[in-house]
Amino acid sequence: MENFTAYNPVKVVFGKNAINKLGISVLPYSKKVMLVYGGGSIKKNGIYRQVIAQLKENNIEYIEFSGIKPNPVHDSVELAVELAKRESVGLILAVGGGSVIDSAKLIALCAIGNFDVWDVMKGRVKPKEALPLFTVLTLAATGTEMNQFAVLQNSFTQEKIGYGNSLIFPKISFLDPEFTMSVSSEYTSYGIADIAAHCLEAYFGNGDSPLTDKFIFSILKELIEVGPKLLNNLTDYDLRARMLWASTAALNGITVFGKVSGDWGVHDIGHIISLLYDTAHGATLSVSYPAWLKTKKDEISEKLLLLGKEVFNSPNEDETIEALENFFKLIKCPVRISELHLPENYEIEIIEKFRRNKVSGYFYSLNDEDYYKLLINMK
């Protein structure tokens, strides 16, 4: 077991009517905020109205930045940073799913200094402060509401990469399961696949931490128990609550304490597919993870056997991989690349981008031979 420092400063307000504590919580930080959100679904489902009511009731001035895409791009973040600077906002309030919150984290980091967003993402500059960030979560998937990471893509450089900085832990995250009830069946499924992938990335990381692995197994078993039931009853509060907390727990640190790191090779693979074809993140992961397990089966045999025993009651590696595929199928996620409806020349494009972006895991490296095997195993 590795030495580690456990640190997570995020205050989580979880449950029905959590939003009622938003306004009073903002006041100690700022009287002027920038509200960041996506394509406008929060106006249709009533969440926007509740957020604005909280700000108005507490005499908090606000400006808005909308239009954050599901696969967030640096262009939008740069525009938002300029707006936040021009308006001298004192706090960033993200209302949405992972893409909105990830974008807001980078806005908070860059709006307080004279930083280029992509220079920050690439580590060429290192900010020393950030605006405070609050989040109101509307989708159970990424876990970004309780961690210090963000993912962003750059269409010009053809990169989609992750970034971490303790300055971008949210101050407070408001998690009301009712705010996730309007999420479609399709994107609820993709969210579940994302949560499962976070658990597996941690499990197949570097380092031996048996108790941490048991946390991972428990979250995976929760997904297997709750996922199919939730898809049959999208407005069940208890099921939404269980999925929401599983999502947060999967990436708030508890699944890596005692390890060196997660592997994250499968997310690297998925990022290339979504970068090229704007494919939903969860769909890229449900296709990529079984393929990665098949590609790396001999290297990960011992861990794969334990995963099968503890989570899927499977006796060998192949049946464990099949069990994961069957779970993804059960929750109506794709498991074959043909289900993503990519253009005819996708193999050439994907391999080229794998090479250009040096797609690999932190622990299990990927090379040219692996790239070709992965695409074969996705078919």
Protein backbone atom coordinates (compact mmCIF):
# COMPACT_ATOMS: atom_id res chain seq x y z
CA MET A 1 0.00 0.00 0.00
CA GLU A 2 1.38 3.41 -1.01
CA ASN A 3 1.79 6.46 1.23
CA PHE A 4 -0.92 8.99 0.50
CA THR A 5 -2.44 12.29 1.54
CA ALA A 6 -6.23 12.32 1.64
CA TYR A 7 -7.57 15.78 0.86
CA ASN A 8 -10.95 16.91 -0.39
CA PRO A 9 -12.17 20.36 0.69
CA VAL A 10 -15.49 20.29 -1.20
CA LYS A 11 -18.62 20.83 0.86
CA VAL A 12 -21.49 18.79 -0.59
CA VAL A 13 -25.09 19.75 0.07
CA PHE A 14 -27.06 16.65 -0.94
CA GLY A 15 -30.79 15.99 -1.13
CA LYS A 16 -34.19 17.50 -1.84
CA ASN A 17 -34.29 21.28 -1.95
CA ALA A 18 -30.51 21.54 -1.61
CA ILE A 19 -30.75 24.60 -3.86
CA ASN A 20 -32.46 26.52 -1.05
CA LYS A 21 -29.05 26.98 0.59
CA LEU A 22 -27.42 28.40 -2.55
CA GLY A 23 -27.99 32.13 -2.12
CA ILE A 24 -27.03 32.36 1.53
CA SER A 25 -23.92 30.28 0.78
CA VAL A 26 -22.78 32.58 -2.04
CA LEU A 27 -23.01 35.77 0.01
CA PRO A 28 -19.80 35.34 2.06
CA TYR A 29 -17.82 34.96 -1.18
CA SER A 30 -19.22 37.56 -3.57
CA LYS A 31 -22.12 39.84 -4.45
CA LYS A 32 -21.57 39.36 -8.18
CA VAL A 33 -21.40 35.98 -9.91
CA MET A 34 -21.20 34.56 -13.40
CA LEU A 35 -23.74 31.84 -14.09
CA VAL A 36 -22.39 29.26 -16.55
CA TYR A 37 -24.64 26.68 -18.21
CA GLY A 38 -25.15 24.69 -21.39
CA GLY A 39 -27.72 24.68 -24.15
CA GLY A 40 -30.71 25.82 -22.14
CA SER A 41 -32.24 22.61 -20.79
CA ILE A 42 -32.13 24.14 -17.30
CA LYS A 43 -34.67 26.72 -18.48
CA LYS A 44 -37.03 24.00 -19.70
CA ASN A 45 -36.88 21.89 -16.56
CA GLY A 46 -37.19 24.76 -14.08
CA ILE A 47 -33.71 24.57 -12.53
CA TYR A 48 -32.70 27.96 -13.97
CA ARG A 49 -35.72 29.60 -12.36
CA GLN A 50 -34.82 28.19 -8.94
CA VAL A 51 -31.19 29.28 -9.23
CA ILE A 52 -32.11 32.82 -10.29
CA ALA A 53 -34.64 33.05 -7.48
CA GLN A 54 -31.90 32.23 -4.97
CA LEU A 55 -29.64 34.93 -6.38
CA LYS A 56 -32.36 37.58 -6.46
CA GLU A 57 -33.62 36.79 -2.97
CA ASN A 58 -30.15 37.47 -1.64
CA ASN A 59 -29.53 40.58 -3.80
CA ILE A 60 -26.69 38.89 -5.67
CA GLU A 61 -25.88 40.48 -9.02
CA TYR A 62 -25.31 37.98 -11.84
CA ILE A 63 -24.30 37.76 -15.47
CA GLU A 64 -24.75 34.70 -17.68
CA PHE A 65 -22.63 32.66 -20.04
CA SER A 66 -24.47 29.88 -21.86
CA GLY A 67 -23.83 27.47 -24.71
CA ILE A 68 -21.23 25.13 -23.18
CA LYS A 69 -21.17 22.02 -25.40
CA PRO A 70 -21.40 18.40 -24.13
CA ASN A 71 -17.79 17.93 -25.32
CA PRO A 72 -16.51 21.32 -24.06
CA VAL A 73 -14.19 23.35 -26.28
CA HIS A 74 -11.54 25.85 -25.31
CA ASP A 75 -13.02 28.58 -27.55
CA SER A 76 -16.09 28.84 -25.30
CA VAL A 77 -13.99 28.90 -22.16
CA GLU A 78 -11.83 31.70 -23.55
CA LEU A 79 -14.93 33.79 -24.35
CA ALA A 80 -16.27 33.16 -20.85
CA VAL A 81 -12.96 34.14 -19.28
CA GLU A 82 -13.00 37.46 -21.13
CA LEU A 83 -16.57 38.13 -19.99
CA ALA A 84 -15.75 37.30 -16.37
CA LYS A 85 -12.76 39.65 -16.45
CA ARG A 86 -14.69 42.46 -18.12
CA GLU A 87 -17.53 42.23 -15.62
CA SER A 88 -15.26 41.75 -12.58
CA VAL A 89 -17.24 38.84 -11.21
CA GLY A 90 -16.23 37.42 -7.86
CA LEU A 91 -17.53 33.86 -8.15
CA ILE A 92 -18.31 31.31 -10.87
CA LEU A 93 -21.58 29.40 -10.53
CA ALA A 94 -21.81 26.33 -12.75
CA VAL A 95 -25.25 24.80 -13.32
CA GLY A 96 -25.16 21.65 -15.41
CA GLY A 97 -23.30 18.41 -15.97
CA GLY A 98 -19.64 17.60 -16.25
CA SER A 99 -18.90 19.69 -19.33
CA VAL A 100 -20.33 22.83 -17.76
CA ILE A 101 -18.54 22.29 -14.47
CA ASP A 102 -15.21 21.43 -16.11
CA SER A 103 -15.47 24.59 -18.20
CA ALA A 104 -16.36 26.63 -15.13
CA LYS A 105 -13.31 25.31 -13.28
CA LEU A 106 -11.04 26.64 -16.02
CA ILE A 107 -12.94 29.93 -16.18
CA ALA A 108 -12.43 30.33 -12.43
CA LEU A 109 -8.72 29.62 -12.82
CA CYS A 110 -8.06 31.91 -15.79
CA ALA A 111 -10.40 34.84 -15.09
CA ILE A 112 -8.42 36.02 -12.09
CA GLY A 113 -5.13 36.32 -14.00
CA ASN A 114 -3.96 37.03 -17.52
CA PHE A 115 -3.75 33.40 -18.63
CA ASP A 116 -4.41 31.67 -21.92
CA VAL A 117 -6.68 28.69 -21.25
CA TRP A 118 -4.72 26.25 -23.36
CA ASP A 119 -1.42 27.33 -21.83
CA VAL A 120 -2.93 26.40 -18.47
CA MET A 121 -4.22 23.05 -19.78
CA LYS A 122 -0.78 22.18 -21.19
CA GLY A 123 1.03 23.21 -18.00
CA ARG A 124 2.94 26.02 -19.66
CA VAL A 125 1.73 28.45 -17.00
CA LYS A 126 0.82 27.68 -13.40
CA PRO A 127 -1.86 29.91 -11.83
CA LYS A 128 -1.55 30.54 -8.11
CA GLU A 129 -5.16 31.52 -7.39
CA ALA A 130 -8.69 31.05 -8.72
CA LEU A 131 -12.11 32.56 -8.28
CA PRO A 132 -14.35 30.57 -5.94
CA LEU A 133 -16.52 28.02 -7.74
CA PHE A 134 -19.97 26.72 -6.79
CA THR A 135 -21.70 23.93 -8.70
CA VAL A 136 -25.31 22.84 -9.10
CA LEU A 137 -25.21 19.38 -10.63
CA THR A 138 -27.80 18.17 -13.15
CA LEU A 139 -26.28 14.87 -14.34
CA ALA A 140 -24.83 11.84 -12.54
CA ALA A 141 -21.73 10.92 -14.53
CA THR A 142 -18.38 12.63 -14.22
CA GLY A 143 -17.85 13.21 -10.50
CA THR A 144 -16.32 16.60 -11.29
CA GLU A 145 -18.48 18.22 -8.62
CA MET A 146 -16.19 16.84 -5.91
CA ASN A 147 -12.73 16.84 -7.45
CA GLN A 148 -9.98 19.06 -8.85
CA PHE A 149 -9.97 17.85 -12.46
CA ALA A 150 -11.25 19.19 -15.77
CA VAL A 151 -11.26 17.96 -19.37
CA LEU A 152 -11.25 20.26 -22.39
CA GLN A 153 -10.76 19.86 -26.11
CA ASN A 154 -9.03 22.09 -28.61
CA SER A 155 -10.40 21.78 -32.13
CA PHE A 156 -7.46 23.72 -33.59
CA THR A 157 -4.70 21.52 -32.11
CA GLN A 158 -6.92 18.39 -32.27
CA GLU A 159 -6.39 17.51 -28.63
CA LYS A 160 -8.71 16.53 -25.79
CA ILE A 161 -6.85 16.41 -22.49
CA GLY A 162 -7.32 16.46 -18.75
CA TYR A 163 -5.97 18.90 -16.18
CA GLY A 164 -5.74 18.87 -12.40
CA ASN A 165 -5.17 21.61 -9.86
CA SER A 166 -6.18 21.84 -6.20
CA LEU A 167 -7.27 25.45 -6.83
CA ILE A 168 -10.29 24.23 -8.81
CA PHE A 169 -11.93 22.11 -6.17
CA PRO A 170 -15.46 23.59 -5.94
CA LYS A 171 -16.16 25.40 -2.68
CA ILE A 172 -19.68 23.97 -2.43
CA SER A 173 -21.57 21.56 -4.67
CA PHE A 174 -25.34 21.30 -4.51
CA LEU A 175 -26.63 17.84 -5.40
CA ASP A 176 -30.38 17.40 -5.60
CA PRO A 177 -31.39 14.07 -7.18
CA GLU A 178 -34.58 15.73 -8.45
CA PHE A 179 -32.39 17.93 -10.68
CA THR A 180 -31.29 14.79 -12.56
CA MET A 181 -34.80 13.45 -13.23
CA SER A 182 -35.23 15.20 -16.58
CA VAL A 183 -32.09 13.55 -17.99
CA SER A 184 -33.08 11.28 -20.88
CA SER A 185 -32.80 7.51 -20.72
CA GLU A 186 -29.95 7.65 -23.25
CA TYR A 187 -27.82 10.10 -21.27
CA THR A 188 -28.68 8.41 -17.99
CA SER A 189 -27.19 5.25 -19.52
CA TYR A 190 -24.09 7.08 -20.72
CA GLY A 191 -23.66 8.54 -17.26
CA ILE A 192 -23.73 5.07 -15.69
CA ALA A 193 -21.09 3.89 -18.17
CA ASP A 194 -18.91 6.86 -17.24
CA ILE A 195 -19.21 6.08 -13.52
CA ALA A 196 -18.27 2.43 -14.15
CA ALA A 197 -15.28 3.53 -16.23
CA HIS A 198 -14.05 5.80 -13.43
CA CYS A 199 -14.14 2.85 -11.04
CA LEU A 200 -12.29 0.60 -13.48
CA GLU A 201 -9.65 3.22 -14.28
CA ALA A 202 -8.90 3.43 -10.56
CA TYR A 203 -8.96 -0.35 -10.09
CA PHE A 204 -6.53 -1.01 -12.93
CA GLY A 205 -4.21 1.75 -11.78
CA ASN A 206 -0.82 1.39 -10.17
CA GLY A 207 -0.54 0.33 -6.54
CA ASP A 208 -2.04 -2.16 -4.12
CA SER A 209 -4.75 -0.91 -1.76
CA PRO A 210 -7.18 -3.73 -0.87
CA LEU A 211 -9.69 -1.61 1.08
CA THR A 212 -9.78 0.94 -1.73
CA ASP A 213 -10.48 -1.89 -4.18
CA LYS A 214 -13.39 -2.96 -1.98
CA PHE A 215 -14.80 0.58 -2.25
CA ILE A 216 -14.52 0.26 -6.03
CA PHE A 217 -16.26 -3.11 -6.06
CA SER A 218 -19.07 -1.71 -3.92
CA ILE A 219 -19.68 1.21 -6.30
CA LEU A 220 -19.69 -1.14 -9.30
CA LYS A 221 -22.18 -3.45 -7.58
CA GLU A 222 -24.35 -0.42 -6.76
CA LEU A 223 -24.41 0.48 -10.47
CA ILE A 224 -25.34 -3.06 -11.43
CA GLU A 225 -28.16 -3.11 -8.89
CA VAL A 226 -29.51 0.40 -9.48
CA GLY A 227 -28.83 1.04 -13.17
CA PRO A 228 -31.43 -1.22 -14.83
CA LYS A 229 -34.08 -0.25 -12.27
CA LEU A 230 -33.42 3.44 -12.85
CA LEU A 231 -33.75 3.12 -16.62
CA ASN A 232 -37.19 1.57 -16.07
CA ASN A 233 -38.23 4.41 -13.76
CA LEU A 234 -36.38 7.61 -14.53
CA THR A 235 -38.30 9.68 -11.98
CA ASP A 236 -37.72 7.45 -8.95
CA TYR A 237 -36.11 9.75 -6.37
CA ASP A 238 -34.33 7.04 -4.38
CA LEU A 239 -32.81 5.46 -7.47
CA ARG A 240 -31.67 8.85 -8.77
CA ALA A 241 -30.19 9.63 -5.34
CA ARG A 242 -28.26 6.37 -5.22
CA MET A 243 -26.89 6.87 -8.72
CA LEU A 244 -25.94 10.47 -8.00
CA TRP A 245 -23.97 9.57 -4.89
CA ALA A 246 -22.30 6.63 -6.67
CA SER A 247 -21.19 9.06 -9.37
CA THR A 248 -19.67 11.46 -6.86
CA ALA A 249 -17.99 8.71 -4.84
CA ALA A 250 -16.42 7.18 -7.95
CA LEU A 251 -14.16 10.19 -8.52
CA ASN A 252 -13.81 12.10 -5.26
CA GLY A 253 -10.56 10.42 -4.23
CA ILE A 254 -11.82 7.44 -2.25
CA THR A 255 -11.17 5.04 -5.15
CA VAL A 256 -7.45 5.89 -5.41
CA PHE A 257 -6.24 6.40 -1.83
CA GLY A 258 -3.34 4.01 -1.27
CA LYS A 259 -2.61 3.70 -4.99
CA VAL A 260 -0.04 5.54 -7.09
CA SER A 261 -2.68 6.56 -9.63
CA GLY A 262 -5.47 5.33 -11.82
CA ASP A 263 -4.54 4.17 -15.32
CA TRP A 264 -6.81 6.40 -17.48
CA GLY A 265 -5.79 4.77 -20.76
CA VAL A 266 -9.39 4.02 -21.69
CA HIS A 267 -10.40 7.65 -21.16
CA ASP A 268 -7.53 8.60 -23.46
CA ILE A 269 -9.00 6.26 -26.09
CA GLY A 270 -12.53 7.59 -25.61
CA HIS A 271 -11.38 11.20 -25.79
CA ILE A 272 -10.00 10.65 -29.29
CA ILE A 273 -13.28 9.21 -30.55
CA SER A 274 -15.33 12.07 -29.08
CA LEU A 275 -12.79 14.61 -30.36
CA LEU A 276 -13.09 13.29 -33.91
CA TYR A 277 -16.80 12.53 -34.09
CA ASP A 278 -18.41 14.44 -31.20
CA THR A 279 -19.57 11.10 -29.78
CA ALA A 280 -21.09 11.08 -26.30
CA HIS A 281 -18.35 10.47 -23.74
CA GLY A 282 -20.11 7.57 -22.01
CA ALA A 283 -20.73 5.81 -25.33
CA THR A 284 -17.02 5.95 -26.20
CA LEU A 285 -16.20 4.35 -22.85
CA SER A 286 -18.72 1.49 -23.07
CA VAL A 287 -17.22 0.59 -26.45
CA SER A 288 -13.59 1.10 -25.41
CA TYR A 289 -13.46 -0.60 -22.00
CA PRO A 290 -14.27 -4.19 -23.04
CA ALA A 291 -11.87 -3.77 -25.99
CA TRP A 292 -9.11 -2.56 -23.65
CA LEU A 293 -9.70 -5.50 -21.30
CA LYS A 294 -9.40 -7.92 -24.22
CA THR A 295 -6.25 -6.19 -25.47
CA LYS A 296 -4.57 -6.20 -22.05
CA LYS A 297 -6.03 -9.48 -20.77
CA ASP A 298 -2.71 -11.25 -20.26
CA GLU A 299 -1.15 -8.29 -18.42
CA ILE A 300 -4.11 -7.78 -16.10
CA SER A 301 -5.10 -11.41 -15.58
CA GLU A 302 -4.83 -11.46 -11.79
CA LYS A 303 -6.78 -8.23 -11.30
CA LEU A 304 -9.34 -9.27 -13.90
CA LEU A 305 -9.95 -12.55 -12.08
CA LEU A 306 -10.49 -10.73 -8.77
CA LEU A 307 -12.85 -8.24 -10.43
CA GLY A 308 -14.85 -11.15 -11.86
CA LYS A 309 -15.04 -12.92 -8.51
CA GLU A 310 -16.00 -9.86 -6.45
CA VAL A 311 -18.35 -8.05 -8.82
CA PHE A 312 -19.67 -10.36 -11.54
CA ASN A 313 -19.39 -13.82 -9.97
CA SER A 314 -17.42 -14.86 -13.05
CA PRO A 315 -14.85 -17.72 -12.95
CA ASN A 316 -12.39 -16.50 -15.58
CA GLU A 317 -11.15 -13.49 -17.52
CA ASP A 318 -13.25 -13.98 -20.65
CA GLU A 319 -16.50 -14.37 -18.73
CA THR A 320 -15.68 -11.27 -16.68
CA ILE A 321 -15.23 -9.20 -19.85
CA GLU A 322 -18.43 -10.67 -21.25
CA ALA A 323 -20.26 -9.82 -18.01
CA LEU A 324 -19.17 -6.18 -18.28
CA GLU A 325 -20.30 -6.07 -21.91
CA ASN A 326 -23.63 -7.58 -20.94
CA PHE A 327 -24.09 -4.94 -18.26
CA PHE A 328 -23.44 -2.19 -20.77
CA LYS A 329 -25.92 -3.83 -23.15
CA LEU A 330 -28.47 -4.12 -20.35
CA ILE A 331 -28.31 -0.39 -19.71
CA LYS A 332 -28.57 0.22 -23.46
CA CYS A 333 -25.03 1.45 -24.07
CA PRO A 334 -23.09 0.52 -27.22
CA VAL A 335 -20.37 -2.12 -26.96
CA ARG A 336 -19.27 -2.26 -30.63
CA ILE A 337 -17.76 0.57 -32.61
CA SER A 338 -20.27 -0.06 -35.42
CA GLU A 339 -22.97 1.16 -33.03
CA LEU A 340 -21.34 4.61 -32.98
CA HIS A 341 -22.03 5.05 -36.73
CA LEU A 342 -18.62 6.47 -37.57
CA PRO A 343 -17.57 7.35 -41.14
CA GLU A 344 -15.98 4.71 -43.38
CA ASN A 345 -12.38 5.85 -42.86
CA TYR A 346 -12.58 5.89 -39.08
CA GLU A 347 -9.75 3.37 -38.55
CA ILE A 348 -7.19 5.54 -40.32
CA GLU A 349 -8.35 8.71 -38.55
CA ILE A 350 -8.41 7.13 -35.11
CA ILE A 351 -4.98 5.48 -35.42
CA GLU A 352 -3.48 8.76 -36.65
CA LYS A 353 -4.93 10.66 -33.69
CA PHE A 354 -3.86 7.92 -31.25
CA ARG A 355 -0.29 8.37 -32.49
CA ARG A 356 -0.39 12.15 -32.58
CA ASN A 357 -1.81 12.40 -29.05
CA LYS A 358 0.38 9.55 -27.72
CA VAL A 359 -2.66 7.76 -26.31
CA SER A 360 -1.63 5.56 -23.39
CA GLY A 361 -2.33 4.73 -19.78
CA TYR A 362 -0.30 5.87 -16.80
CA PHE A 363 0.41 2.27 -15.80
CA TYR A 364 -0.42 0.06 -18.78
CA SER A 365 1.23 1.65 -21.79
CA LEU A 366 -0.25 1.46 -25.27
CA ASN A 367 1.77 1.19 -28.46
CA ASP A 368 1.05 0.91 -32.18
CA GLU A 369 0.33 -2.80 -31.95
CA ASP A 370 -2.13 -2.15 -29.13
CA TYR A 371 -3.90 0.54 -31.18
CA TYR A 372 -4.66 -1.93 -33.95
CA LYS A 373 -5.70 -4.61 -31.46
CA LEU A 374 -8.05 -2.17 -29.76
CA LEU A 375 -9.86 -1.37 -32.98
CA ILE A 376 -10.16 -5.06 -33.82
CA ASN A 377 -11.54 -5.78 -30.34
CA MET A 378 -14.08 -2.99 -30.71
CA LYS A 379 -15.68 -4.69 -33.72
